[in-house]
Amino acid sequence: MPEAAKFYGLQITRSGMACCPFHEDGKPSMKIYEDHYYCFGCGATGDCTGFVSKLFGISQLDAAKKISHDFGLNLFNGEIAVPVNERVRTENNYHVWLRNARATVTEYLHRLDEWRRIYKPINQSEQLNPLFVESLQKTSYIEYLADLLSYGTEQEKRDLYKINSNTIMQIQKRLDKLAAVKEHTVKHKLI
């Protein structure tokens, strides 16, 4: 189940939680177990084929064929899995992106606020911390993105997805880099 969930676009935390693709989910409420999933928000539950069936709006059999095809399992004697309607796939990709974009922007905005508070200089002669400077430079734009992703029109959100989705990817890369530095620092403190 975790491999299928990741393959079909869910970002799973270390504790096995993910934002549920079946309802508007600002914080991860779906627990991904080894053999099934359960959403504490909407109550959606099932196994791997049930997940794929619900995600793509196809039957359980077609979901099994799709999984077999996508993972190269060849379980259906040469039958090709039923192709998923491209419109359904595009729409699902958009909703997955929107949930992840909201979470990414919210996390980065939280970091920027924290840095502005923690690294605020005490006097004029103190050298500015790069994280404080980053918070000053980026906060307005990230607040704009957060507002757009939460309160913008559907068309504004879709335009951001189509035209400028790489901005969210760059923010996620920045957060990943910060997490890697933090993990590296923690490991060296333990040694």
C-alpha atoms as a PDB file:
ATOM      1  CA  MET A   1       0.000   0.000   0.000  1.00  0.00           C
ATOM      2  CA  PRO A   2       2.721   2.589   0.801  1.00  0.00           C
ATOM      3  CA  GLU A   3       4.427   2.010  -2.554  1.00  0.00           C
ATOM      4  CA  ALA A   4       1.159   2.401  -4.466  1.00  0.00           C
ATOM      5  CA  ALA A   5       0.193   5.521  -2.512  1.00  0.00           C
ATOM      6  CA  LYS A   6       3.562   7.133  -3.268  1.00  0.00           C
ATOM      7  CA  PHE A   7       3.445   6.041  -6.915  1.00  0.00           C
ATOM      8  CA  TYR A   8       0.041   7.654  -7.389  1.00  0.00           C
ATOM      9  CA  GLY A   9       1.092  10.981  -5.892  1.00  0.00           C
ATOM     10  CA  LEU A  10       0.683  10.935  -2.121  1.00  0.00           C
ATOM     11  CA  GLN A  11       3.445  12.370   0.037  1.00  0.00           C
ATOM     12  CA  ILE A  12       3.706  10.131   3.082  1.00  0.00           C
ATOM     13  CA  THR A  13       5.273  11.332   6.320  1.00  0.00           C
ATOM     14  CA  ARG A  14       7.632   9.156   8.338  1.00  0.00           C
ATOM     15  CA  SER A  15       4.718   8.218  10.586  1.00  0.00           C
ATOM     16  CA  GLY A  16       2.774   6.910   7.569  1.00  0.00           C
ATOM     17  CA  MET A  17       0.341   9.821   7.309  1.00  0.00           C
ATOM     18  CA  ALA A  18      -0.705  11.578   4.086  1.00  0.00           C
ATOM     19  CA  CYS A  19      -3.237  14.171   2.969  1.00  0.00           C
ATOM     20  CA  CYS A  20      -6.354  12.320   1.897  1.00  0.00           C
ATOM     21  CA  PRO A  21      -7.054  12.645  -1.843  1.00  0.00           C
ATOM     22  CA  PHE A  22     -10.761  11.972  -1.311  1.00  0.00           C
ATOM     23  CA  HIS A  23     -11.645  15.205   0.521  1.00  0.00           C
ATOM     24  CA  GLU A  24     -10.151  18.663   1.091  1.00  0.00           C
ATOM     25  CA  ASP A  25      -7.418  17.857   3.579  1.00  0.00           C
ATOM     26  CA  GLY A  26      -5.140  20.609   4.890  1.00  0.00           C
ATOM     27  CA  LYS A  27      -3.242  18.342   7.280  1.00  0.00           C
ATOM     28  CA  PRO A  28      -2.451  14.654   6.799  1.00  0.00           C
ATOM     29  CA  SER A  29      -5.419  12.628   8.042  1.00  0.00           C
ATOM     30  CA  MET A  30      -4.938   9.398   6.084  1.00  0.00           C
ATOM     31  CA  LYS A  31      -2.880   6.627   7.658  1.00  0.00           C
ATOM     32  CA  ILE A  32      -1.148   4.360   5.151  1.00  0.00           C
ATOM     33  CA  TYR A  33      -0.611   0.883   6.572  1.00  0.00           C
ATOM     34  CA  GLU A  34       1.252  -1.950   4.843  1.00  0.00           C
ATOM     35  CA  ASP A  35      -1.929  -3.611   3.553  1.00  0.00           C
ATOM     36  CA  HIS A  36      -4.618  -0.901   3.726  1.00  0.00           C
ATOM     37  CA  TYR A  37      -5.387   2.759   4.321  1.00  0.00           C
ATOM     38  CA  TYR A  38      -7.758   4.622   6.614  1.00  0.00           C
ATOM     39  CA  CYS A  39      -8.685   8.312   6.631  1.00  0.00           C
ATOM     40  CA  PHE A  40      -9.487   9.706  10.052  1.00  0.00           C
ATOM     41  CA  GLY A  41     -11.085  12.745   8.365  1.00  0.00           C
ATOM     42  CA  CYS A  42     -13.617  11.259   5.936  1.00  0.00           C
ATOM     43  CA  GLY A  43     -13.588   7.568   6.933  1.00  0.00           C
ATOM     44  CA  ALA A  44     -12.344   6.311   3.558  1.00  0.00           C
ATOM     45  CA  THR A  45     -10.755   2.904   3.933  1.00  0.00           C
ATOM     46  CA  GLY A  46      -9.711  -0.033   1.823  1.00  0.00           C
ATOM     47  CA  ASP A  47      -6.873  -2.016   0.352  1.00  0.00           C
ATOM     48  CA  CYS A  48      -4.546  -1.148  -2.513  1.00  0.00           C
ATOM     49  CA  THR A  49      -6.988  -1.951  -5.320  1.00  0.00           C
ATOM     50  CA  GLY A  50      -9.754  -0.129  -3.475  1.00  0.00           C
ATOM     51  CA  PHE A  51      -7.512   2.919  -3.180  1.00  0.00           C
ATOM     52  CA  VAL A  52      -6.654   2.943  -6.898  1.00  0.00           C
ATOM     53  CA  SER A  53     -10.292   2.259  -7.820  1.00  0.00           C
ATOM     54  CA  LYS A  54     -11.526   5.223  -5.792  1.00  0.00           C
ATOM     55  CA  LEU A  55      -8.634   7.489  -6.809  1.00  0.00           C
ATOM     56  CA  PHE A  56      -9.164   7.038 -10.553  1.00  0.00           C
ATOM     57  CA  GLY A  57     -12.897   6.318 -10.576  1.00  0.00           C
ATOM     58  CA  ILE A  58     -12.539   2.819 -12.066  1.00  0.00           C
ATOM     59  CA  SER A  59     -13.747  -0.646 -11.051  1.00  0.00           C
ATOM     60  CA  GLN A  60     -11.794  -2.873  -8.662  1.00  0.00           C
ATOM     61  CA  LEU A  61     -10.855  -5.191 -11.529  1.00  0.00           C
ATOM     62  CA  ASP A  62      -9.623  -2.307 -13.661  1.00  0.00           C
ATOM     63  CA  ALA A  63      -7.715  -1.011 -10.633  1.00  0.00           C
ATOM     64  CA  ALA A  64      -6.017  -4.401 -10.226  1.00  0.00           C
ATOM     65  CA  LYS A  65      -5.120  -4.365 -13.938  1.00  0.00           C
ATOM     66  CA  LYS A  66      -3.800  -0.822 -13.627  1.00  0.00           C
ATOM     67  CA  ILE A  67      -1.616  -1.727 -10.640  1.00  0.00           C
ATOM     68  CA  SER A  68      -0.354  -4.811 -12.483  1.00  0.00           C
ATOM     69  CA  HIS A  69       0.505  -2.710 -15.530  1.00  0.00           C
ATOM     70  CA  ASP A  70       1.998   0.253 -13.656  1.00  0.00           C
ATOM     71  CA  PHE A  71       4.199  -1.943 -11.462  1.00  0.00           C
ATOM     72  CA  GLY A  72       5.133  -4.377 -14.252  1.00  0.00           C
ATOM     73  CA  LEU A  73       3.595  -7.382 -12.499  1.00  0.00           C
ATOM     74  CA  ASN A  74       2.082  -8.931 -15.658  1.00  0.00           C
ATOM     75  CA  LEU A  75      -0.717 -10.609 -13.716  1.00  0.00           C
ATOM     76  CA  PHE A  76      -3.302 -10.479 -16.494  1.00  0.00           C
ATOM     77  CA  ASN A  77      -1.745 -12.685 -19.181  1.00  0.00           C
ATOM     78  CA  GLY A  78      -0.716  -9.900 -21.483  1.00  0.00           C
ATOM     79  CA  GLU A  79      -3.869  -7.835 -21.091  1.00  0.00           C
ATOM     80  CA  ILE A  80      -3.103  -4.166 -20.897  1.00  0.00           C
ATOM     81  CA  ALA A  81      -4.607  -2.332 -17.979  1.00  0.00           C
ATOM     82  CA  VAL A  82      -7.569  -0.171 -18.804  1.00  0.00           C
ATOM     83  CA  PRO A  83      -6.212   3.290 -19.525  1.00  0.00           C
ATOM     84  CA  VAL A  84      -7.373   5.909 -17.106  1.00  0.00           C
ATOM     85  CA  ASN A  85      -9.349   8.710 -18.659  1.00  0.00           C
ATOM     86  CA  GLU A  86      -6.794  11.507 -19.200  1.00  0.00           C
ATOM     87  CA  ARG A  87      -9.242  14.106 -17.891  1.00  0.00           C
ATOM     88  CA  VAL A  88      -9.672  12.157 -14.632  1.00  0.00           C
ATOM     89  CA  ARG A  89      -5.880  11.789 -14.305  1.00  0.00           C
ATOM     90  CA  THR A  90      -5.285  15.497 -14.968  1.00  0.00           C
ATOM     91  CA  GLU A  91      -7.956  16.503 -12.476  1.00  0.00           C
ATOM     92  CA  ASN A  92      -6.563  14.135  -9.846  1.00  0.00           C
ATOM     93  CA  ASN A  93      -3.013  15.423 -10.414  1.00  0.00           C
ATOM     94  CA  TYR A  94      -4.282  18.972  -9.904  1.00  0.00           C
ATOM     95  CA  HIS A  95      -5.981  18.107  -6.591  1.00  0.00           C
ATOM     96  CA  VAL A  96      -2.897  16.258  -5.308  1.00  0.00           C
ATOM     97  CA  TRP A  97      -0.735  19.229  -6.336  1.00  0.00           C
ATOM     98  CA  LEU A  98      -3.104  21.697  -4.636  1.00  0.00           C
ATOM     99  CA  ARG A  99      -3.036  19.821  -1.308  1.00  0.00           C
ATOM    100  CA  ASN A 100       0.750  19.491  -1.413  1.00  0.00           C
ATOM    101  CA  ALA A 101       1.189  23.132  -2.478  1.00  0.00           C
ATOM    102  CA  ARG A 102      -0.918  24.364   0.452  1.00  0.00           C
ATOM    103  CA  ALA A 103       1.062  22.239   2.909  1.00  0.00           C
ATOM    104  CA  THR A 104       4.411  23.314   1.430  1.00  0.00           C
ATOM    105  CA  VAL A 105       3.610  27.033   1.408  1.00  0.00           C
ATOM    106  CA  THR A 106       2.156  26.885   4.930  1.00  0.00           C
ATOM    107  CA  GLU A 107       5.252  25.130   6.267  1.00  0.00           C
ATOM    108  CA  TYR A 108       7.619  27.589   4.574  1.00  0.00           C
ATOM    109  CA  LEU A 109       5.615  30.590   5.820  1.00  0.00           C
ATOM    110  CA  HIS A 110       5.803  29.181   9.340  1.00  0.00           C
ATOM    111  CA  ARG A 111       9.587  28.868   8.983  1.00  0.00           C
ATOM    112  CA  LEU A 112       9.917  32.431   7.690  1.00  0.00           C
ATOM    113  CA  ASP A 113       7.889  33.797  10.619  1.00  0.00           C
ATOM    114  CA  GLU A 114       9.974  31.767  13.046  1.00  0.00           C
ATOM    115  CA  TRP A 115      13.263  32.994  11.534  1.00  0.00           C
ATOM    116  CA  ARG A 116      12.158  36.616  11.627  1.00  0.00           C
ATOM    117  CA  ARG A 117      11.380  36.235  15.330  1.00  0.00           C
ATOM    118  CA  ILE A 118      14.397  34.121  16.350  1.00  0.00           C
ATOM    119  CA  TYR A 119      17.124  35.858  14.326  1.00  0.00           C
ATOM    120  CA  LYS A 120      15.934  39.440  14.722  1.00  0.00           C
ATOM    121  CA  PRO A 121      19.037  41.554  15.412  1.00  0.00           C
ATOM    122  CA  ILE A 122      19.334  43.038  18.873  1.00  0.00           C
ATOM    123  CA  ASN A 123      21.279  46.129  17.772  1.00  0.00           C
ATOM    124  CA  GLN A 124      22.386  47.884  14.572  1.00  0.00           C
ATOM    125  CA  SER A 125      25.956  46.640  14.679  1.00  0.00           C
ATOM    126  CA  GLU A 126      24.956  42.961  14.761  1.00  0.00           C
ATOM    127  CA  GLN A 127      25.466  41.108  11.481  1.00  0.00           C
ATOM    128  CA  LEU A 128      22.197  39.905   9.966  1.00  0.00           C
ATOM    129  CA  ASN A 129      21.580  36.183   9.957  1.00  0.00           C
ATOM    130  CA  PRO A 130      20.934  34.872   6.388  1.00  0.00           C
ATOM    131  CA  LEU A 131      17.708  33.204   7.556  1.00  0.00           C
ATOM    132  CA  PHE A 132      16.466  36.544   8.925  1.00  0.00           C
ATOM    133  CA  VAL A 133      17.265  38.176   5.584  1.00  0.00           C
ATOM    134  CA  GLU A 134      15.488  35.359   3.720  1.00  0.00           C
ATOM    135  CA  SER A 135      12.413  35.873   5.893  1.00  0.00           C
ATOM    136  CA  LEU A 136      12.358  39.588   5.083  1.00  0.00           C
ATOM    137  CA  GLN A 137      12.769  38.973   1.355  1.00  0.00           C
ATOM    138  CA  LYS A 138      10.302  36.104   0.947  1.00  0.00           C
ATOM    139  CA  THR A 139       7.468  36.616   3.456  1.00  0.00           C
ATOM    140  CA  SER A 140       5.267  38.922   1.360  1.00  0.00           C
ATOM    141  CA  TYR A 141       5.344  36.647  -1.678  1.00  0.00           C
ATOM    142  CA  ILE A 142       4.792  33.475   0.357  1.00  0.00           C
ATOM    143  CA  GLU A 143       1.852  35.135   2.158  1.00  0.00           C
ATOM    144  CA  TYR A 144       0.429  35.989  -1.271  1.00  0.00           C
ATOM    145  CA  LEU A 145       0.794  32.349  -2.381  1.00  0.00           C
ATOM    146  CA  ALA A 146      -0.800  31.098   0.842  1.00  0.00           C
ATOM    147  CA  ASP A 147      -3.763  33.439   0.360  1.00  0.00           C
ATOM    148  CA  LEU A 148      -4.123  32.472  -3.301  1.00  0.00           C
ATOM    149  CA  LEU A 149      -4.010  28.734  -2.518  1.00  0.00           C
ATOM    150  CA  SER A 150      -6.535  29.082   0.313  1.00  0.00           C
ATOM    151  CA  TYR A 151      -8.847  31.869  -0.797  1.00  0.00           C
ATOM    152  CA  GLY A 152      -8.199  32.422  -4.504  1.00  0.00           C
ATOM    153  CA  THR A 153     -10.710  31.566  -7.169  1.00  0.00           C
ATOM    154  CA  GLU A 154     -10.590  28.125  -8.712  1.00  0.00           C
ATOM    155  CA  GLN A 155      -9.287  29.685 -11.929  1.00  0.00           C
ATOM    156  CA  GLU A 156      -6.438  31.481 -10.081  1.00  0.00           C
ATOM    157  CA  LYS A 157      -5.397  28.197  -8.446  1.00  0.00           C
ATOM    158  CA  ARG A 158      -5.514  26.339 -11.768  1.00  0.00           C
ATOM    159  CA  ASP A 159      -3.500  29.099 -13.451  1.00  0.00           C
ATOM    160  CA  LEU A 160      -0.832  28.804 -10.762  1.00  0.00           C
ATOM    161  CA  TYR A 161      -0.804  25.033 -11.302  1.00  0.00           C
ATOM    162  CA  LYS A 162      -0.480  25.325 -15.088  1.00  0.00           C
ATOM    163  CA  ILE A 163       1.831  28.309 -15.392  1.00  0.00           C
ATOM    164  CA  ASN A 164       3.906  28.527 -12.240  1.00  0.00           C
ATOM    165  CA  SER A 165       3.824  25.187 -10.409  1.00  0.00           C
ATOM    166  CA  ASN A 166       7.634  25.115 -10.433  1.00  0.00           C
ATOM    167  CA  THR A 167       7.553  27.878  -7.778  1.00  0.00           C
ATOM    168  CA  ILE A 168       6.011  25.408  -5.332  1.00  0.00           C
ATOM    169  CA  MET A 169       8.601  22.810  -6.355  1.00  0.00           C
ATOM    170  CA  GLN A 170      11.408  25.286  -5.565  1.00  0.00           C
ATOM    171  CA  ILE A 171       9.899  25.977  -2.124  1.00  0.00           C
ATOM    172  CA  GLN A 172       9.679  22.226  -1.475  1.00  0.00           C
ATOM    173  CA  LYS A 173      13.335  21.816  -2.496  1.00  0.00           C
ATOM    174  CA  ARG A 174      14.259  24.587  -0.058  1.00  0.00           C
ATOM    175  CA  LEU A 175      12.369  22.835   2.744  1.00  0.00           C
ATOM    176  CA  ASP A 176      13.980  19.496   1.845  1.00  0.00           C
ATOM    177  CA  LYS A 177      17.412  21.121   1.970  1.00  0.00           C
ATOM    178  CA  LEU A 178      16.664  22.623   5.396  1.00  0.00           C
ATOM    179  CA  ALA A 179      15.465  19.227   6.650  1.00  0.00           C
ATOM    180  CA  ALA A 180      18.644  17.547   5.368  1.00  0.00           C
ATOM    181  CA  VAL A 181      20.846  20.131   7.087  1.00  0.00           C
ATOM    182  CA  LYS A 182      18.901  19.737  10.329  1.00  0.00           C
ATOM    183  CA  GLU A 183      19.140  15.924  10.171  1.00  0.00           C
ATOM    184  CA  HIS A 184      22.883  16.126   9.454  1.00  0.00           C
ATOM    185  CA  THR A 185      23.363  18.508  12.405  1.00  0.00           C
ATOM    186  CA  VAL A 186      21.381  16.259  14.763  1.00  0.00           C
ATOM    187  CA  LYS A 187      23.400  13.180  13.733  1.00  0.00           C
ATOM    188  CA  HIS A 188      26.693  14.975  14.359  1.00  0.00           C
ATOM    189  CA  LYS A 189      25.528  16.169  17.799  1.00  0.00           C
ATOM    190  CA  LEU A 190      24.757  12.566  18.734  1.00  0.00           C
ATOM    191  CA  ILE A 191      28.248  11.417  17.748  1.00  0.00           C
END
